[in-house]
Amino acid sequence: MAEIYDLIVIGTGSVGSSTGYYAAKRGLSVLEIDSATPPHTNGYTMAKLG
């Protein structure tokens, strides 16, 4: 059986994770997808900070 989500977030960096968190907190069914297993330093935010 297929899963149905209200929101799918592609990229779980700081912005994606926050989006997923607050959407779930409001009761939405959320799926977060990232190319690497968090936490990692492969994203755009970490590249700018590092």
PDB file of N, CA and C in Angstrom:
ATOM      1  N   MET A   1       0.839  -1.182   0.000  1.00  0.00           N
ATOM      2  CA  MET A   1       0.000   0.000   0.000  1.00  0.00           C
ATOM      3  C   MET A   1       0.884   1.245   0.000  1.00  0.00           C
ATOM      4  N   ALA A   2       0.549   2.202  -0.809  1.00  0.00           N
ATOM      5  CA  ALA A   2       1.329   3.430  -0.927  1.00  0.00           C
ATOM      6  C   ALA A   2       1.067   4.353   0.263  1.00  0.00           C
ATOM      7  N   GLU A   3       2.122   5.023   0.676  1.00  0.00           N
ATOM      8  CA  GLU A   3       1.995   6.029   1.737  1.00  0.00           C
ATOM      9  C   GLU A   3       1.572   7.354   1.112  1.00  0.00           C
ATOM     10  N   ILE A   4       0.777   8.113   1.820  1.00  0.00           N
ATOM     11  CA  ILE A   4       0.357   9.434   1.359  1.00  0.00           C
ATOM     12  C   ILE A   4       0.858  10.462   2.364  1.00  0.00           C
ATOM     13  N   TYR A   5       1.550  11.480   1.849  1.00  0.00           N
ATOM     14  CA  TYR A   5       2.108  12.534   2.689  1.00  0.00           C
ATOM     15  C   TYR A   5       1.506  13.879   2.307  1.00  0.00           C
ATOM     16  N   ASP A   6       1.360  14.740   3.286  1.00  0.00           N
ATOM     17  CA  ASP A   6       0.905  16.100   3.028  1.00  0.00           C
ATOM     18  C   ASP A   6       2.039  16.949   2.454  1.00  0.00           C
ATOM     19  N   LEU A   7       3.264  16.636   2.870  1.00  0.00           N
ATOM     20  CA  LEU A   7       4.430  17.429   2.461  1.00  0.00           C
ATOM     21  C   LEU A   7       5.631  16.517   2.301  1.00  0.00           C
ATOM     22  N   ILE A   8       6.347  16.675   1.200  1.00  0.00           N
ATOM     23  CA  ILE A   8       7.613  15.977   0.995  1.00  0.00           C
ATOM     24  C   ILE A   8       8.692  17.040   0.885  1.00  0.00           C
ATOM     25  N   VAL A   9       9.690  16.959   1.757  1.00  0.00           N
ATOM     26  CA  VAL A   9      10.791  17.924   1.788  1.00  0.00           C
ATOM     27  C   VAL A   9      12.017  17.257   1.173  1.00  0.00           C
ATOM     28  N   ILE A  10      12.555  17.871   0.128  1.00  0.00           N
ATOM     29  CA  ILE A  10      13.755  17.368  -0.523  1.00  0.00           C
ATOM     30  C   ILE A  10      14.930  18.177   0.012  1.00  0.00           C
ATOM     31  N   GLY A  11      15.813  17.519   0.744  1.00  0.00           N
ATOM     32  CA  GLY A  11      16.956  18.193   1.363  1.00  0.00           C
ATOM     33  C   GLY A  11      16.673  18.481   2.823  1.00  0.00           C
ATOM     34  N   THR A  12      17.458  17.874   3.706  1.00  0.00           N
ATOM     35  CA  THR A  12      17.213  18.032   5.142  1.00  0.00           C
ATOM     36  C   THR A  12      18.320  18.822   5.815  1.00  0.00           C
ATOM     37  N   GLY A  13      18.752  19.873   5.144  1.00  0.00           N
ATOM     38  CA  GLY A  13      19.677  20.803   5.784  1.00  0.00           C
ATOM     39  C   GLY A  13      18.917  21.626   6.805  1.00  0.00           C
ATOM     40  N   SER A  14      19.454  22.756   7.171  1.00  0.00           N
ATOM     41  CA  SER A  14      18.822  23.563   8.217  1.00  0.00           C
ATOM     42  C   SER A  14      17.425  24.041   7.813  1.00  0.00           C
ATOM     43  N   VAL A  15      17.247  24.468   6.595  1.00  0.00           N
ATOM     44  CA  VAL A  15      15.946  24.971   6.156  1.00  0.00           C
ATOM     45  C   VAL A  15      14.956  23.818   5.958  1.00  0.00           C
ATOM     46  N   GLY A  16      15.389  22.747   5.302  1.00  0.00           N
ATOM     47  CA  GLY A  16      14.505  21.603   5.076  1.00  0.00           C
ATOM     48  C   GLY A  16      14.061  20.948   6.367  1.00  0.00           C
ATOM     49  N   SER A  17      14.992  20.777   7.288  1.00  0.00           N
ATOM     50  CA  SER A  17      14.653  20.173   8.575  1.00  0.00           C
ATOM     51  C   SER A  17      13.668  21.030   9.354  1.00  0.00           C
ATOM     52  N   SER A  18      13.883  22.336   9.344  1.00  0.00           N
ATOM     53  CA  SER A  18      12.969  23.247  10.036  1.00  0.00           C
ATOM     54  C   SER A  18      11.588  23.207   9.410  1.00  0.00           C
ATOM     55  N   THR A  19      11.542  23.185   8.089  1.00  0.00           N
ATOM     56  CA  THR A  19      10.262  23.109   7.389  1.00  0.00           C
ATOM     57  C   THR A  19       9.515  21.848   7.767  1.00  0.00           C
ATOM     58  N   GLY A  20      10.197  20.707   7.729  1.00  0.00           N
ATOM     59  CA  GLY A  20       9.571  19.449   8.092  1.00  0.00           C
ATOM     60  C   GLY A  20       9.115  19.417   9.538  1.00  0.00           C
ATOM     61  N   TYR A  21       9.943  19.933  10.419  1.00  0.00           N
ATOM     62  CA  TYR A  21       9.623  19.942  11.848  1.00  0.00           C
ATOM     63  C   TYR A  21       8.351  20.746  12.125  1.00  0.00           C
ATOM     64  N   TYR A  22       8.308  21.964  11.623  1.00  0.00           N
ATOM     65  CA  TYR A  22       7.160  22.820  11.930  1.00  0.00           C
ATOM     66  C   TYR A  22       5.897  22.358  11.216  1.00  0.00           C
ATOM     67  N   ALA A  23       6.039  21.760  10.040  1.00  0.00           N
ATOM     68  CA  ALA A  23       4.868  21.205   9.362  1.00  0.00           C
ATOM     69  C   ALA A  23       4.307  20.023  10.155  1.00  0.00           C
ATOM     70  N   ALA A  24       5.186  19.153  10.629  1.00  0.00           N
ATOM     71  CA  ALA A  24       4.745  18.010  11.438  1.00  0.00           C
ATOM     72  C   ALA A  24       4.129  18.472  12.755  1.00  0.00           C
ATOM     73  N   LYS A  25       4.704  19.514  13.329  1.00  0.00           N
ATOM     74  CA  LYS A  25       4.183  20.061  14.581  1.00  0.00           C
ATOM     75  C   LYS A  25       2.755  20.587  14.400  1.00  0.00           C
ATOM     76  N   ARG A  26       2.437  21.038  13.185  1.00  0.00           N
ATOM     77  CA  ARG A  26       1.082  21.512  12.882  1.00  0.00           C
ATOM     78  C   ARG A  26       0.143  20.385  12.464  1.00  0.00           C
ATOM     79  N   GLY A  27       0.650  19.143  12.475  1.00  0.00           N
ATOM     80  CA  GLY A  27      -0.203  18.001  12.209  1.00  0.00           C
ATOM     81  C   GLY A  27      -0.119  17.422  10.803  1.00  0.00           C
ATOM     82  N   LEU A  28       0.772  17.943   9.968  1.00  0.00           N
ATOM     83  CA  LEU A  28       0.921  17.405   8.621  1.00  0.00           C
ATOM     84  C   LEU A  28       1.751  16.125   8.645  1.00  0.00           C
ATOM     85  N   SER A  29       1.473  15.245   7.707  1.00  0.00           N
ATOM     86  CA  SER A  29       2.266  14.035   7.519  1.00  0.00           C
ATOM     87  C   SER A  29       3.436  14.405   6.609  1.00  0.00           C
ATOM     88  N   VAL A  30       4.669  14.252   7.100  1.00  0.00           N
ATOM     89  CA  VAL A  30       5.850  14.772   6.404  1.00  0.00           C
ATOM     90  C   VAL A  30       6.842  13.655   6.095  1.00  0.00           C
ATOM     91  N   LEU A  31       7.394  13.698   4.887  1.00  0.00           N
ATOM     92  CA  LEU A  31       8.495  12.826   4.493  1.00  0.00           C
ATOM     93  C   LEU A  31       9.664  13.723   4.121  1.00  0.00           C
ATOM     94  N   GLU A  32      10.820  13.503   4.763  1.00  0.00           N
ATOM     95  CA  GLU A  32      12.029  14.256   4.440  1.00  0.00           C
ATOM     96  C   GLU A  32      13.006  13.330   3.731  1.00  0.00           C
ATOM     97  N   ILE A  33      13.553  13.793   2.607  1.00  0.00           N
ATOM     98  CA  ILE A  33      14.481  13.004   1.806  1.00  0.00           C
ATOM     99  C   ILE A  33      15.777  13.792   1.630  1.00  0.00           C
ATOM    100  N   ASP A  34      16.902  13.109   1.800  1.00  0.00           N
ATOM    101  CA  ASP A  34      18.202  13.742   1.575  1.00  0.00           C
ATOM    102  C   ASP A  34      19.119  12.717   0.902  1.00  0.00           C
ATOM    103  N   SER A  35      20.111  13.201   0.183  1.00  0.00           N
ATOM    104  CA  SER A  35      21.041  12.298  -0.501  1.00  0.00           C
ATOM    105  C   SER A  35      22.058  11.684   0.444  1.00  0.00           C
ATOM    106  N   ALA A  36      22.208  12.248   1.623  1.00  0.00           N
ATOM    107  CA  ALA A  36      23.140  11.732   2.625  1.00  0.00           C
ATOM    108  C   ALA A  36      22.402  11.542   3.944  1.00  0.00           C
ATOM    109  N   THR A  37      22.924  10.697   4.798  1.00  0.00           N
ATOM    110  CA  THR A  37      22.313  10.464   6.101  1.00  0.00           C
ATOM    111  C   THR A  37      22.687  11.600   7.053  1.00  0.00           C
ATOM    112  N   PRO A  38      21.702  12.342   7.552  1.00  0.00           N
ATOM    113  CA  PRO A  38      22.004  13.430   8.481  1.00  0.00           C
ATOM    114  C   PRO A  38      22.502  12.892   9.818  1.00  0.00           C
ATOM    115  N   PRO A  39      23.290  13.592  10.568  1.00  0.00           N
ATOM    116  CA  PRO A  39      23.886  14.874  10.172  1.00  0.00           C
ATOM    117  C   PRO A  39      25.098  14.659   9.267  1.00  0.00           C
ATOM    118  N   HIS A  40      25.290  15.577   8.352  1.00  0.00           N
ATOM    119  CA  HIS A  40      26.433  15.501   7.449  1.00  0.00           C
ATOM    120  C   HIS A  40      26.889  16.914   7.097  1.00  0.00           C
ATOM    121  N   THR A  41      27.986  17.029   6.421  1.00  0.00           N
ATOM    122  CA  THR A  41      28.531  18.350   6.047  1.00  0.00           C
ATOM    123  C   THR A  41      28.557  18.516   4.532  1.00  0.00           C
ATOM    124  N   ASN A  42      27.655  17.835   3.826  1.00  0.00           N
ATOM    125  CA  ASN A  42      27.640  17.890   2.372  1.00  0.00           C
ATOM    126  C   ASN A  42      26.752  18.981   1.801  1.00  0.00           C
ATOM    127  N   GLY A  43      25.973  19.636   2.618  1.00  0.00           N
ATOM    128  CA  GLY A  43      24.988  20.586   2.117  1.00  0.00           C
ATOM    129  C   GLY A  43      25.528  21.976   1.873  1.00  0.00           C
ATOM    130  N   TYR A  44      24.702  22.792   1.271  1.00  0.00           N
ATOM    131  CA  TYR A  44      25.059  24.163   0.921  1.00  0.00           C
ATOM    132  C   TYR A  44      25.342  25.010   2.156  1.00  0.00           C
ATOM    133  N   THR A  45      24.532  24.895   3.185  1.00  0.00           N
ATOM    134  CA  THR A  45      24.723  25.697   4.399  1.00  0.00           C
ATOM    135  C   THR A  45      26.082  25.405   5.037  1.00  0.00           C
ATOM    136  N   MET A  46      26.415  24.132   5.165  1.00  0.00           N
ATOM    137  CA  MET A  46      27.687  23.764   5.790  1.00  0.00           C
ATOM    138  C   MET A  46      28.880  24.210   4.936  1.00  0.00           C
ATOM    139  N   ALA A  47      28.721  24.183   3.627  1.00  0.00           N
ATOM    140  CA  ALA A  47      29.798  24.637   2.738  1.00  0.00           C
ATOM    141  C   ALA A  47      30.057  26.131   2.943  1.00  0.00           C
ATOM    142  N   LYS A  48      29.005  26.901   3.142  1.00  0.00           N
ATOM    143  CA  LYS A  48      29.155  28.341   3.365  1.00  0.00           C
ATOM    144  C   LYS A  48      29.734  28.647   4.742  1.00  0.00           C
ATOM    145  N   LEU A  49      29.352  27.850   5.749  1.00  0.00           N
ATOM    146  CA  LEU A  49      29.849  28.089   7.111  1.00  0.00           C
ATOM    147  C   LEU A  49      31.257  27.554   7.327  1.00  0.00           C
ATOM    148  N   GLY A  50      31.571  26.462   6.629  1.00  0.00           N
ATOM    149  CA  GLY A  50      32.855  25.802   6.839  1.00  0.00           C
ATOM    150  C   GLY A  50      33.968  26.526   6.215  1.00  0.00           C
TER     151      GLY A  50
END
